[in-house]
PDB file of all heavy atoms in Angstrom:
ATOM      1  N   ASP A   1    -308.689 -16.024  33.500  1.00  0.00           N
ATOM      2  CA  ASP A   1    -308.139 -17.183  32.750  1.00  0.00           C
ATOM      3  C   ASP A   1    -306.895 -17.758  33.453  1.00  0.00           C
ATOM      4  O   ASP A   1    -305.794 -17.145  33.321  1.00  0.00           O
ATOM      5  CB  ASP A   1    -307.771 -16.641  31.385  1.00  0.00           C
ATOM      6  CG  ASP A   1    -307.302 -17.740  30.461  1.00  0.00           C
ATOM      7  OD1 ASP A   1    -307.272 -18.952  30.913  1.00  0.00           O
ATOM      8  OD2 ASP A   1    -306.953 -17.424  29.324  1.00  0.00           O
ATOM      9  N   ARG A   2    -307.029 -18.922  34.041  1.00  0.00           N
ATOM     10  CA  ARG A   2    -305.870 -19.527  34.760  1.00  0.00           C
ATOM     11  C   ARG A   2    -304.768 -19.897  33.789  1.00  0.00           C
ATOM     12  O   ARG A   2    -303.631 -19.958  34.231  1.00  0.00           O
ATOM     13  CB  ARG A   2    -306.360 -20.695  35.553  1.00  0.00           C
ATOM     14  CG  ARG A   2    -307.336 -20.411  36.688  1.00  0.00           C
ATOM     15  CD  ARG A   2    -307.718 -21.651  37.404  1.00  0.00           C
ATOM     16  NE  ARG A   2    -308.633 -21.350  38.566  1.00  0.00           N
ATOM     17  CZ  ARG A   2    -309.100 -22.320  39.429  1.00  0.00           C
ATOM     18  NH1 ARG A   2    -308.799 -23.571  39.161  1.00  0.00           N
ATOM     19  NH2 ARG A   2    -309.886 -21.961  40.357  1.00  0.00           N
ATOM     20  N   ASP A   3    -305.107 -20.116  32.584  1.00  0.00           N
ATOM     21  CA  ASP A   3    -304.079 -20.561  31.619  1.00  0.00           C
ATOM     22  C   ASP A   3    -303.063 -19.491  31.359  1.00  0.00           C
ATOM     23  O   ASP A   3    -301.980 -19.853  30.902  1.00  0.00           O
ATOM     24  CB  ASP A   3    -304.713 -21.028  30.378  1.00  0.00           C
ATOM     25  CG  ASP A   3    -305.561 -22.390  30.508  1.00  0.00           C
ATOM     26  OD1 ASP A   3    -305.276 -23.052  31.503  1.00  0.00           O
ATOM     27  OD2 ASP A   3    -306.441 -22.611  29.650  1.00  0.00           O
ATOM     28  N   VAL A   4    -303.367 -18.236  31.529  1.00  0.00           N
ATOM     29  CA  VAL A   4    -302.413 -17.189  31.250  1.00  0.00           C
ATOM     30  C   VAL A   4    -301.475 -16.960  32.412  1.00  0.00           C
ATOM     31  O   VAL A   4    -300.389 -16.361  32.271  1.00  0.00           O
ATOM     32  CB  VAL A   4    -303.078 -15.814  30.785  1.00  0.00           C
ATOM     33  CG1 VAL A   4    -303.989 -16.080  29.679  1.00  0.00           C
ATOM     34  CG2 VAL A   4    -303.722 -15.220  32.022  1.00  0.00           C
ATOM     35  N   LEU A   5    -301.818 -17.432  33.602  1.00  0.00           N
ATOM     36  CA  LEU A   5    -301.069 -17.080  34.764  1.00  0.00           C
ATOM     37  C   LEU A   5    -299.623 -17.563  34.772  1.00  0.00           C
ATOM     38  O   LEU A   5    -298.722 -16.821  35.174  1.00  0.00           O
ATOM     39  CB  LEU A   5    -301.775 -17.623  36.030  1.00  0.00           C
ATOM     40  CG  LEU A   5    -303.095 -16.909  36.309  1.00  0.00           C
ATOM     41  CD1 LEU A   5    -303.709 -17.503  37.613  1.00  0.00           C
ATOM     42  CD2 LEU A   5    -302.928 -15.378  36.513  1.00  0.00           C
ATOM     43  N   PRO A   6    -299.260 -18.802  34.289  1.00  0.00           N
ATOM     44  CA  PRO A   6    -297.920 -19.145  34.177  1.00  0.00           C
ATOM     45  C   PRO A   6    -297.062 -18.240  33.301  1.00  0.00           C
ATOM     46  O   PRO A   6    -295.964 -17.886  33.573  1.00  0.00           O
ATOM     47  CB  PRO A   6    -298.012 -20.619  33.623  1.00  0.00           C
ATOM     48  CG  PRO A   6    -299.301 -21.077  34.002  1.00  0.00           C
ATOM     49  CD  PRO A   6    -300.258 -19.935  33.939  1.00  0.00           C
ATOM     50  N   HIS A   7    -297.729 -17.858  32.155  1.00  0.00           N
ATOM     51  CA  HIS A   7    -297.041 -16.870  31.217  1.00  0.00           C
ATOM     52  C   HIS A   7    -296.855 -15.540  31.854  1.00  0.00           C
ATOM     53  O   HIS A   7    -295.782 -14.936  31.770  1.00  0.00           O
ATOM     54  CB  HIS A   7    -297.826 -16.763  29.951  1.00  0.00           C
ATOM     55  CG  HIS A   7    -298.184 -17.985  29.247  1.00  0.00           C
ATOM     56  ND1 HIS A   7    -297.203 -18.604  28.379  1.00  0.00           N
ATOM     57  CD2 HIS A   7    -299.235 -18.801  29.230  1.00  0.00           C
ATOM     58  CE1 HIS A   7    -297.714 -19.736  27.894  1.00  0.00           C
ATOM     59  NE2 HIS A   7    -298.887 -19.913  28.334  1.00  0.00           N
ATOM     60  N   LEU A   8    -297.887 -15.086  32.598  1.00  0.00           N
ATOM     61  CA  LEU A   8    -297.769 -13.823  33.295  1.00  0.00           C
ATOM     62  C   LEU A   8    -296.721 -13.785  34.315  1.00  0.00           C
ATOM     63  O   LEU A   8    -295.856 -12.854  34.391  1.00  0.00           O
ATOM     64  CB  LEU A   8    -299.081 -13.421  33.898  1.00  0.00           C
ATOM     65  CG  LEU A   8    -299.176 -12.214  34.747  1.00  0.00           C
ATOM     66  CD1 LEU A   8    -299.020 -10.977  33.941  1.00  0.00           C
ATOM     67  CD2 LEU A   8    -300.464 -12.143  35.515  1.00  0.00           C
ATOM     68  N   LYS A   9    -296.655 -14.866  35.171  1.00  0.00           N
ATOM     69  CA  LYS A   9    -295.675 -14.895  36.184  1.00  0.00           C
ATOM     70  C   LYS A   9    -294.251 -15.030  35.682  1.00  0.00           C
ATOM     71  O   LYS A   9    -293.325 -14.444  36.152  1.00  0.00           O
ATOM     72  CB  LYS A   9    -296.009 -16.102  37.163  1.00  0.00           C
ATOM     73  CG  LYS A   9    -297.304 -15.846  37.982  1.00  0.00           C
ATOM     74  CD  LYS A   9    -297.624 -17.049  38.859  1.00  0.00           C
ATOM     75  CE  LYS A   9    -298.929 -16.814  39.581  1.00  0.00           C
ATOM     76  NZ  LYS A   9    -299.256 -18.005  40.460  1.00  0.00           N
ATOM     77  N   ASN A  10    -294.067 -15.811  34.579  1.00  0.00           N
ATOM     78  CA  ASN A  10    -292.782 -15.955  33.961  1.00  0.00           C
ATOM     79  C   ASN A  10    -292.318 -14.620  33.401  1.00  0.00           C
ATOM     80  O   ASN A  10    -291.143 -14.272  33.466  1.00  0.00           O
ATOM     81  CB  ASN A  10    -292.883 -16.998  32.790  1.00  0.00           C
ATOM     82  CG  ASN A  10    -291.534 -17.193  32.132  1.00  0.00           C
ATOM     83  OD1 ASN A  10    -290.658 -17.620  32.797  1.00  0.00           O
ATOM     84  ND2 ASN A  10    -291.507 -16.880  30.827  1.00  0.00           N
ATOM     85  N   ALA A  11    -293.305 -13.845  32.815  1.00  0.00           N
ATOM     86  CA  ALA A  11    -292.907 -12.570  32.260  1.00  0.00           C
ATOM     87  C   ALA A  11    -292.471 -11.584  33.289  1.00  0.00           C
ATOM     88  O   ALA A  11    -291.552 -10.707  33.076  1.00  0.00           O
ATOM     89  CB  ALA A  11    -294.131 -11.957  31.531  1.00  0.00           C
ATOM     90  N   CYS A  12    -293.005 -11.671  34.542  1.00  0.00           N
ATOM     91  CA  CYS A  12    -292.631 -10.777  35.596  1.00  0.00           C
ATOM     92  C   CYS A  12    -291.178 -11.033  36.072  1.00  0.00           C
ATOM     93  O   CYS A  12    -290.556 -10.159  36.685  1.00  0.00           O
ATOM     94  CB  CYS A  12    -293.629 -10.903  36.732  1.00  0.00           C
ATOM     95  SG  CYS A  12    -295.212 -10.168  36.402  1.00  0.00           S
ATOM     96  N   GLY A  13    -290.736 -12.227  35.934  1.00  0.00           N
ATOM     97  CA  GLY A  13    -289.350 -12.482  36.276  1.00  0.00           C
ATOM     98  C   GLY A  13    -289.004 -12.160  37.733  1.00  0.00           C
ATOM     99  O   GLY A  13    -289.719 -12.495  38.679  1.00  0.00           O
ATOM    100  N   PRO A  14    -287.868 -11.391  37.941  1.00  0.00           N
ATOM    101  CA  PRO A  14    -287.497 -11.061  39.281  1.00  0.00           C
ATOM    102  C   PRO A  14    -288.488 -10.132  40.007  1.00  0.00           C
ATOM    103  O   PRO A  14    -288.368  -9.924  41.192  1.00  0.00           O
ATOM    104  CB  PRO A  14    -286.154 -10.308  39.095  1.00  0.00           C
ATOM    105  CG  PRO A  14    -286.164  -9.816  37.645  1.00  0.00           C
ATOM    106  CD  PRO A  14    -286.992 -10.813  36.899  1.00  0.00           C
ATOM    107  N   GLN A  15    -289.457  -9.487  39.306  1.00  0.00           N
ATOM    108  CA  GLN A  15    -290.426  -8.642  39.898  1.00  0.00           C
ATOM    109  C   GLN A  15    -291.605  -9.386  40.482  1.00  0.00           C
ATOM    110  O   GLN A  15    -292.488  -8.830  41.144  1.00  0.00           O
ATOM    111  CB  GLN A  15    -290.968  -7.648  38.847  1.00  0.00           C
ATOM    112  CG  GLN A  15    -289.932  -6.813  38.203  1.00  0.00           C
ATOM    113  CD  GLN A  15    -289.247  -5.773  39.055  1.00  0.00           C
ATOM    114  OE1 GLN A  15    -289.837  -5.419  40.088  1.00  0.00           O
ATOM    115  NE2 GLN A  15    -288.199  -5.219  38.638  1.00  0.00           N
ATOM    116  N   LEU A  16    -291.599 -10.776  40.232  1.00  0.00           N
ATOM    117  CA  LEU A  16    -292.765 -11.503  40.664  1.00  0.00           C
ATOM    118  C   LEU A  16    -293.238 -11.384  42.149  1.00  0.00           C
ATOM    119  O   LEU A  16    -294.358 -11.442  42.442  1.00  0.00           O
ATOM    120  CB  LEU A  16    -292.473 -13.089  40.402  1.00  0.00           C
ATOM    121  CG  LEU A  16    -293.657 -14.064  40.637  1.00  0.00           C
ATOM    122  CD1 LEU A  16    -294.844 -13.653  39.837  1.00  0.00           C
ATOM    123  CD2 LEU A  16    -293.174 -15.447  40.326  1.00  0.00           C
ATOM    124  N   PRO A  17    -292.224 -11.258  43.107  1.00  0.00           N
ATOM    125  CA  PRO A  17    -292.641 -11.175  44.480  1.00  0.00           C
ATOM    126  C   PRO A  17    -293.513  -9.820  44.728  1.00  0.00           C
ATOM    127  O   PRO A  17    -294.192  -9.828  45.713  1.00  0.00           O
ATOM    128  CB  PRO A  17    -291.297 -11.054  45.315  1.00  0.00           C
ATOM    129  CG  PRO A  17    -290.385 -11.734  44.389  1.00  0.00           C
ATOM    130  CD  PRO A  17    -290.773 -11.488  43.039  1.00  0.00           C
ATOM    131  N   LYS A  18    -293.495  -8.964  43.861  1.00  0.00           N
ATOM    132  CA  LYS A  18    -294.277  -7.711  43.990  1.00  0.00           C
ATOM    133  C   LYS A  18    -295.658  -7.880  43.420  1.00  0.00           C
ATOM    134  O   LYS A  18    -296.508  -6.989  43.558  1.00  0.00           O
ATOM    135  CB  LYS A  18    -293.601  -6.615  43.195  1.00  0.00           C
ATOM    136  CG  LYS A  18    -292.181  -6.268  43.828  1.00  0.00           C
ATOM    137  CD  LYS A  18    -291.353  -5.474  42.864  1.00  0.00           C
ATOM    138  CE  LYS A  18    -291.952  -4.159  42.507  1.00  0.00           C
ATOM    139  NZ  LYS A  18    -290.983  -3.341  41.596  1.00  0.00           N
ATOM    140  N   LEU A  19    -295.954  -9.007  42.873  1.00  0.00           N
ATOM    141  CA  LEU A  19    -297.240  -9.313  42.209  1.00  0.00           C
ATOM    142  C   LEU A  19    -298.232 -10.082  43.145  1.00  0.00           C
ATOM    143  O   LEU A  19    -297.890 -11.130  43.654  1.00  0.00           O
ATOM    144  CB  LEU A  19    -297.011 -10.034  40.871  1.00  0.00           C
ATOM    145  CG  LEU A  19    -298.312 -10.270  40.056  1.00  0.00           C
ATOM    146  CD1 LEU A  19    -298.717  -9.046  39.338  1.00  0.00           C
ATOM    147  CD2 LEU A  19    -297.983 -11.365  38.937  1.00  0.00           C
ATOM    148  N   THR A  20    -299.455  -9.554  43.183  1.00  0.00           N
ATOM    149  CA  THR A  20    -300.519 -10.288  43.890  1.00  0.00           C
ATOM    150  C   THR A  20    -301.618 -10.603  42.853  1.00  0.00           C
ATOM    151  O   THR A  20    -302.136  -9.699  42.171  1.00  0.00           O
ATOM    152  CB  THR A  20    -301.124  -9.489  45.073  1.00  0.00           C
ATOM    153  OG1 THR A  20    -300.087  -9.193  45.990  1.00  0.00           O
ATOM    154  CG2 THR A  20    -302.287 -10.214  45.726  1.00  0.00           C
ATOM    155  N   VAL A  21    -301.955 -11.907  42.753  1.00  0.00           N
ATOM    156  CA  VAL A  21    -302.963 -12.315  41.753  1.00  0.00           C
ATOM    157  C   VAL A  21    -304.258 -12.646  42.440  1.00  0.00           C
ATOM    158  O   VAL A  21    -304.300 -13.494  43.389  1.00  0.00           O
ATOM    159  CB  VAL A  21    -302.460 -13.583  40.955  1.00  0.00           C
ATOM    160  CG1 VAL A  21    -303.521 -14.044  39.996  1.00  0.00           C
ATOM    161  CG2 VAL A  21    -301.158 -13.306  40.246  1.00  0.00           C
ATOM    162  N   VAL A  22    -305.298 -12.029  41.989  1.00  0.00           N
ATOM    163  CA  VAL A  22    -306.675 -12.329  42.343  1.00  0.00           C
ATOM    164  C   VAL A  22    -307.294 -13.115  41.197  1.00  0.00           C
ATOM    165  O   VAL A  22    -307.604 -12.545  40.202  1.00  0.00           O
ATOM    166  CB  VAL A  22    -307.487 -11.067  42.694  1.00  0.00           C
ATOM    167  CG1 VAL A  22    -308.918 -11.394  43.052  1.00  0.00           C
ATOM    168  CG2 VAL A  22    -306.840 -10.276  43.832  1.00  0.00           C
ATOM    169  N   GLU A  23    -307.533 -14.397  41.442  1.00  0.00           N
ATOM    170  CA  GLU A  23    -308.155 -15.238  40.419  1.00  0.00           C
ATOM    171  C   GLU A  23    -309.655 -15.158  40.471  1.00  0.00           C
ATOM    172  O   GLU A  23    -310.249 -15.775  41.390  1.00  0.00           O
ATOM    173  CB  GLU A  23    -307.763 -16.693  40.527  1.00  0.00           C
ATOM    174  CG  GLU A  23    -306.242 -16.920  40.307  1.00  0.00           C
ATOM    175  CD  GLU A  23    -305.860 -18.420  40.300  1.00  0.00           C
ATOM    176  OE1 GLU A  23    -306.665 -19.217  39.858  1.00  0.00           O
ATOM    177  OE2 GLU A  23    -304.738 -18.776  40.836  1.00  0.00           O
ATOM    178  N   ALA A  24    -310.193 -14.250  39.701  1.00  0.00           N
ATOM    179  CA  ALA A  24    -311.655 -14.034  39.791  1.00  0.00           C
ATOM    180  C   ALA A  24    -312.177 -13.305  38.563  1.00  0.00           C
ATOM    181  O   ALA A  24    -311.403 -12.800  37.757  1.00  0.00           O
ATOM    182  CB  ALA A  24    -311.975 -13.148  41.014  1.00  0.00           C
ATOM    183  N   ASP A  25    -313.520 -13.337  38.369  1.00  0.00           N
ATOM    184  CA  ASP A  25    -314.148 -12.645  37.361  1.00  0.00           C
ATOM    185  C   ASP A  25    -314.144 -11.165  37.810  1.00  0.00           C
ATOM    186  O   ASP A  25    -314.582 -10.900  38.917  1.00  0.00           O
ATOM    187  CB  ASP A  25    -315.534 -13.134  37.167  1.00  0.00           C
ATOM    188  CG  ASP A  25    -316.384 -12.479  36.032  1.00  0.00           C
ATOM    189  OD1 ASP A  25    -315.991 -11.351  35.615  1.00  0.00           O
ATOM    190  OD2 ASP A  25    -317.373 -13.027  35.603  1.00  0.00           O
ATOM    191  N   ALA A  26    -313.730 -10.230  36.961  1.00  0.00           N
ATOM    192  CA  ALA A  26    -313.618  -8.839  37.355  1.00  0.00           C
ATOM    193  C   ALA A  26    -315.031  -8.248  37.714  1.00  0.00           C
ATOM    194  O   ALA A  26    -315.163  -7.349  38.520  1.00  0.00           O
ATOM    195  CB  ALA A  26    -313.050  -8.002  36.255  1.00  0.00           C
ATOM    196  N   LEU A  27    -316.101  -8.905  37.164  1.00  0.00           N
ATOM    197  CA  LEU A  27    -317.470  -8.441  37.458  1.00  0.00           C
ATOM    198  C   LEU A  27    -317.901  -8.802  38.819  1.00  0.00           C
ATOM    199  O   LEU A  27    -318.901  -8.257  39.398  1.00  0.00           O
ATOM    200  CB  LEU A  27    -318.429  -8.995  36.404  1.00  0.00           C
ATOM    201  CG  LEU A  27    -318.316  -8.399  35.041  1.00  0.00           C
ATOM    202  CD1 LEU A  27    -319.145  -9.309  34.024  1.00  0.00           C
ATOM    203  CD2 LEU A  27    -318.849  -7.021  35.024  1.00  0.00           C
ATOM    204  N   SER A  28    -317.191  -9.721  39.508  1.00  0.00           N
ATOM    205  CA  SER A  28    -317.689 -10.186  40.854  1.00  0.00           C
ATOM    206  C   SER A  28    -316.771  -9.643  41.936  1.00  0.00           C
ATOM    207  O   SER A  28    -317.030  -9.863  43.137  1.00  0.00           O
ATOM    208  CB  SER A  28    -317.594 -11.752  40.872  1.00  0.00           C
ATOM    209  OG  SER A  28    -316.297 -12.203  40.771  1.00  0.00           O
ATOM    210  N   VAL A  29    -315.694  -8.935  41.596  1.00  0.00           N
ATOM    211  CA  VAL A  29    -314.822  -8.415  42.581  1.00  0.00           C
ATOM    212  C   VAL A  29    -315.395  -7.297  43.427  1.00  0.00           C
ATOM    213  O   VAL A  29    -315.902  -6.352  42.821  1.00  0.00           O
ATOM    214  CB  VAL A  29    -313.436  -7.997  42.056  1.00  0.00           C
ATOM    215  CG1 VAL A  29    -312.534  -7.316  42.996  1.00  0.00           C
ATOM    216  CG2 VAL A  29    -312.759  -9.222  41.307  1.00  0.00           C
ATOM    217  N   ASP A  30    -315.193  -7.327  44.730  1.00  0.00           N
ATOM    218  CA  ASP A  30    -315.628  -6.166  45.531  1.00  0.00           C
ATOM    219  C   ASP A  30    -314.455  -5.219  45.684  1.00  0.00           C
ATOM    220  O   ASP A  30    -313.525  -5.411  46.417  1.00  0.00           O
ATOM    221  CB  ASP A  30    -316.033  -6.733  46.992  1.00  0.00           C
ATOM    222  CG  ASP A  30    -316.586  -5.605  47.907  1.00  0.00           C
ATOM    223  OD1 ASP A  30    -316.237  -4.441  47.636  1.00  0.00           O
ATOM    224  OD2 ASP A  30    -317.261  -5.929  48.865  1.00  0.00           O
ATOM    225  N   TYR A  31    -314.450  -4.163  44.827  1.00  0.00           N
ATOM    226  CA  TYR A  31    -313.328  -3.277  44.742  1.00  0.00           C
ATOM    227  C   TYR A  31    -313.254  -2.401  45.964  1.00  0.00           C
ATOM    228  O   TYR A  31    -312.099  -1.927  46.323  1.00  0.00           O
ATOM    229  CB  TYR A  31    -313.393  -2.476  43.467  1.00  0.00           C
ATOM    230  CG  TYR A  31    -313.210  -3.261  42.251  1.00  0.00           C
ATOM    231  CD1 TYR A  31    -314.349  -3.923  41.587  1.00  0.00           C
ATOM    232  CD2 TYR A  31    -312.000  -3.605  41.752  1.00  0.00           C
ATOM    233  CE1 TYR A  31    -314.137  -4.721  40.469  1.00  0.00           C
ATOM    234  CE2 TYR A  31    -311.762  -4.423  40.667  1.00  0.00           C
ATOM    235  CZ  TYR A  31    -312.849  -5.002  40.039  1.00  0.00           C
ATOM    236  OH  TYR A  31    -312.729  -5.828  38.925  1.00  0.00           O
ATOM    237  N   SER A  32    -314.384  -2.160  46.604  1.00  0.00           N
ATOM    238  CA  SER A  32    -314.354  -1.453  47.885  1.00  0.00           C
ATOM    239  C   SER A  32    -313.632  -2.180  49.009  1.00  0.00           C
ATOM    240  O   SER A  32    -312.733  -1.605  49.698  1.00  0.00           O
ATOM    241  CB  SER A  32    -315.764  -1.109  48.373  1.00  0.00           C
ATOM    242  OG  SER A  32    -316.502  -0.331  47.439  1.00  0.00           O
ATOM    243  N   ALA A  33    -313.880  -3.439  49.038  1.00  0.00           N
ATOM    244  CA  ALA A  33    -313.181  -4.230  50.028  1.00  0.00           C
ATOM    245  C   ALA A  33    -311.714  -4.435  49.643  1.00  0.00           C
ATOM    246  O   ALA A  33    -310.789  -4.421  50.584  1.00  0.00           O
ATOM    247  CB  ALA A  33    -313.841  -5.653  50.126  1.00  0.00           C
ATOM    248  N   LEU A  34    -311.402  -4.454  48.359  1.00  0.00           N
ATOM    249  CA  LEU A  34    -309.998  -4.579  47.993  1.00  0.00           C
ATOM    250  C   LEU A  34    -309.256  -3.270  48.338  1.00  0.00           C
ATOM    251  O   LEU A  34    -308.129  -3.345  48.819  1.00  0.00           O
ATOM    252  CB  LEU A  34    -309.986  -4.805  46.485  1.00  0.00           C
ATOM    253  CG  LEU A  34    -308.581  -4.981  45.805  1.00  0.00           C
ATOM    254  CD1 LEU A  34    -307.824  -6.160  46.516  1.00  0.00           C
ATOM    255  CD2 LEU A  34    -308.748  -5.263  44.337  1.00  0.00           C
ATOM    256  N   ALA A  35    -309.873  -2.178  48.137  1.00  0.00           N
ATOM    257  CA  ALA A  35    -309.238  -0.938  48.528  1.00  0.00           C
ATOM    258  C   ALA A  35    -309.020  -0.831  49.980  1.00  0.00           C
ATOM    259  O   ALA A  35    -307.966  -0.341  50.481  1.00  0.00           O
ATOM    260  CB  ALA A  35    -310.197   0.265  48.048  1.00  0.00           C
ATOM    261  N   ALA A  36    -309.965  -1.246  50.760  1.00  0.00           N
ATOM    262  CA  ALA A  36    -309.773  -1.253  52.231  1.00  0.00           C
ATOM    263  C   ALA A  36    -308.570  -2.178  52.623  1.00  0.00           C
ATOM    264  O   ALA A  36    -307.824  -1.822  53.497  1.00  0.00           O
ATOM    265  CB  ALA A  36    -311.077  -1.748  52.925  1.00  0.00           C
ATOM    266  N   SER A  37    -308.502  -3.339  51.976  1.00  0.00           N
ATOM    267  CA  SER A  37    -307.377  -4.241  52.278  1.00  0.00           C
ATOM    268  C   SER A  37    -305.971  -3.652  51.899  1.00  0.00           C
ATOM    269  O   SER A  37    -304.947  -3.956  52.528  1.00  0.00           O
ATOM    270  CB  SER A  37    -307.590  -5.613  51.597  1.00  0.00           C
ATOM    271  OG  SER A  37    -307.401  -5.538  50.174  1.00  0.00           O
ATOM    272  N   LEU A  38    -305.993  -2.811  50.862  1.00  0.00           N
ATOM    273  CA  LEU A  38    -304.770  -2.245  50.358  1.00  0.00           C
ATOM    274  C   LEU A  38    -304.457  -0.889  51.044  1.00  0.00           C
ATOM    275  O   LEU A  38    -303.399  -0.287  50.881  1.00  0.00           O
ATOM    276  CB  LEU A  38    -304.760  -2.046  48.841  1.00  0.00           C
ATOM    277  CG  LEU A  38    -304.772  -3.339  48.020  1.00  0.00           C
ATOM    278  CD1 LEU A  38    -304.938  -3.073  46.523  1.00  0.00           C
ATOM    279  CD2 LEU A  38    -303.532  -4.242  48.325  1.00  0.00           C
ATOM    280  N   GLY A  39    -305.416  -0.370  51.858  1.00  0.00           N
ATOM    281  CA  GLY A  39    -305.147   0.805  52.608  1.00  0.00           C
ATOM    282  C   GLY A  39    -305.410   2.128  51.981  1.00  0.00           C
ATOM    283  O   GLY A  39    -304.895   3.171  52.445  1.00  0.00           O
ATOM    284  N   GLY A  40    -306.266   2.114  50.876  1.00  0.00           N
ATOM    285  CA  GLY A  40    -306.505   3.452  50.275  1.00  0.00           C
ATOM    286  C   GLY A  40    -307.185   3.244  48.928  1.00  0.00           C
ATOM    287  O   GLY A  40    -307.386   2.153  48.472  1.00  0.00           O
ATOM    288  N   LYS A  41    -307.429   4.336  48.281  1.00  0.00           N
ATOM    289  CA  LYS A  41    -308.180   4.311  46.955  1.00  0.00           C
ATOM    290  C   LYS A  41    -307.266   3.636  45.928  1.00  0.00           C
ATOM    291  O   LYS A  41    -306.054   3.660  45.875  1.00  0.00           O
ATOM    292  CB  LYS A  41    -308.533   5.689  46.525  1.00  0.00           C
ATOM    293  CG  LYS A  41    -309.676   6.341  47.356  1.00  0.00           C
ATOM    294  CD  LYS A  41    -310.206   7.673  46.703  1.00  0.00           C
ATOM    295  CE  LYS A  41    -311.373   8.127  47.447  1.00  0.00           C
ATOM    296  NZ  LYS A  41    -312.019   9.296  46.766  1.00  0.00           N
ATOM    297  N   LEU A  42    -308.002   3.014  44.990  1.00  0.00           N
ATOM    298  CA  LEU A  42    -307.292   2.251  43.934  1.00  0.00           C
ATOM    299  C   LEU A  42    -307.141   3.084  42.731  1.00  0.00           C
ATOM    300  O   LEU A  42    -307.958   3.931  42.326  1.00  0.00           O
ATOM    301  CB  LEU A  42    -308.190   1.040  43.575  1.00  0.00           C
ATOM    302  CG  LEU A  42    -308.622   0.072  44.708  1.00  0.00           C
ATOM    303  CD1 LEU A  42    -309.509  -0.993  44.162  1.00  0.00           C
ATOM    304  CD2 LEU A  42    -307.359  -0.519  45.380  1.00  0.00           C
TER     305      LEU A  42
END
């Protein structure tokens, strides 16, 4: 839901640089590839 992202980012405040947003349907995400990109198990 793109509409919640401004609220989410605003809520994170000074912590926002630590946040990475993947705009996608959770059912379509390749979690194995995501784990590989992050360097370990999720």
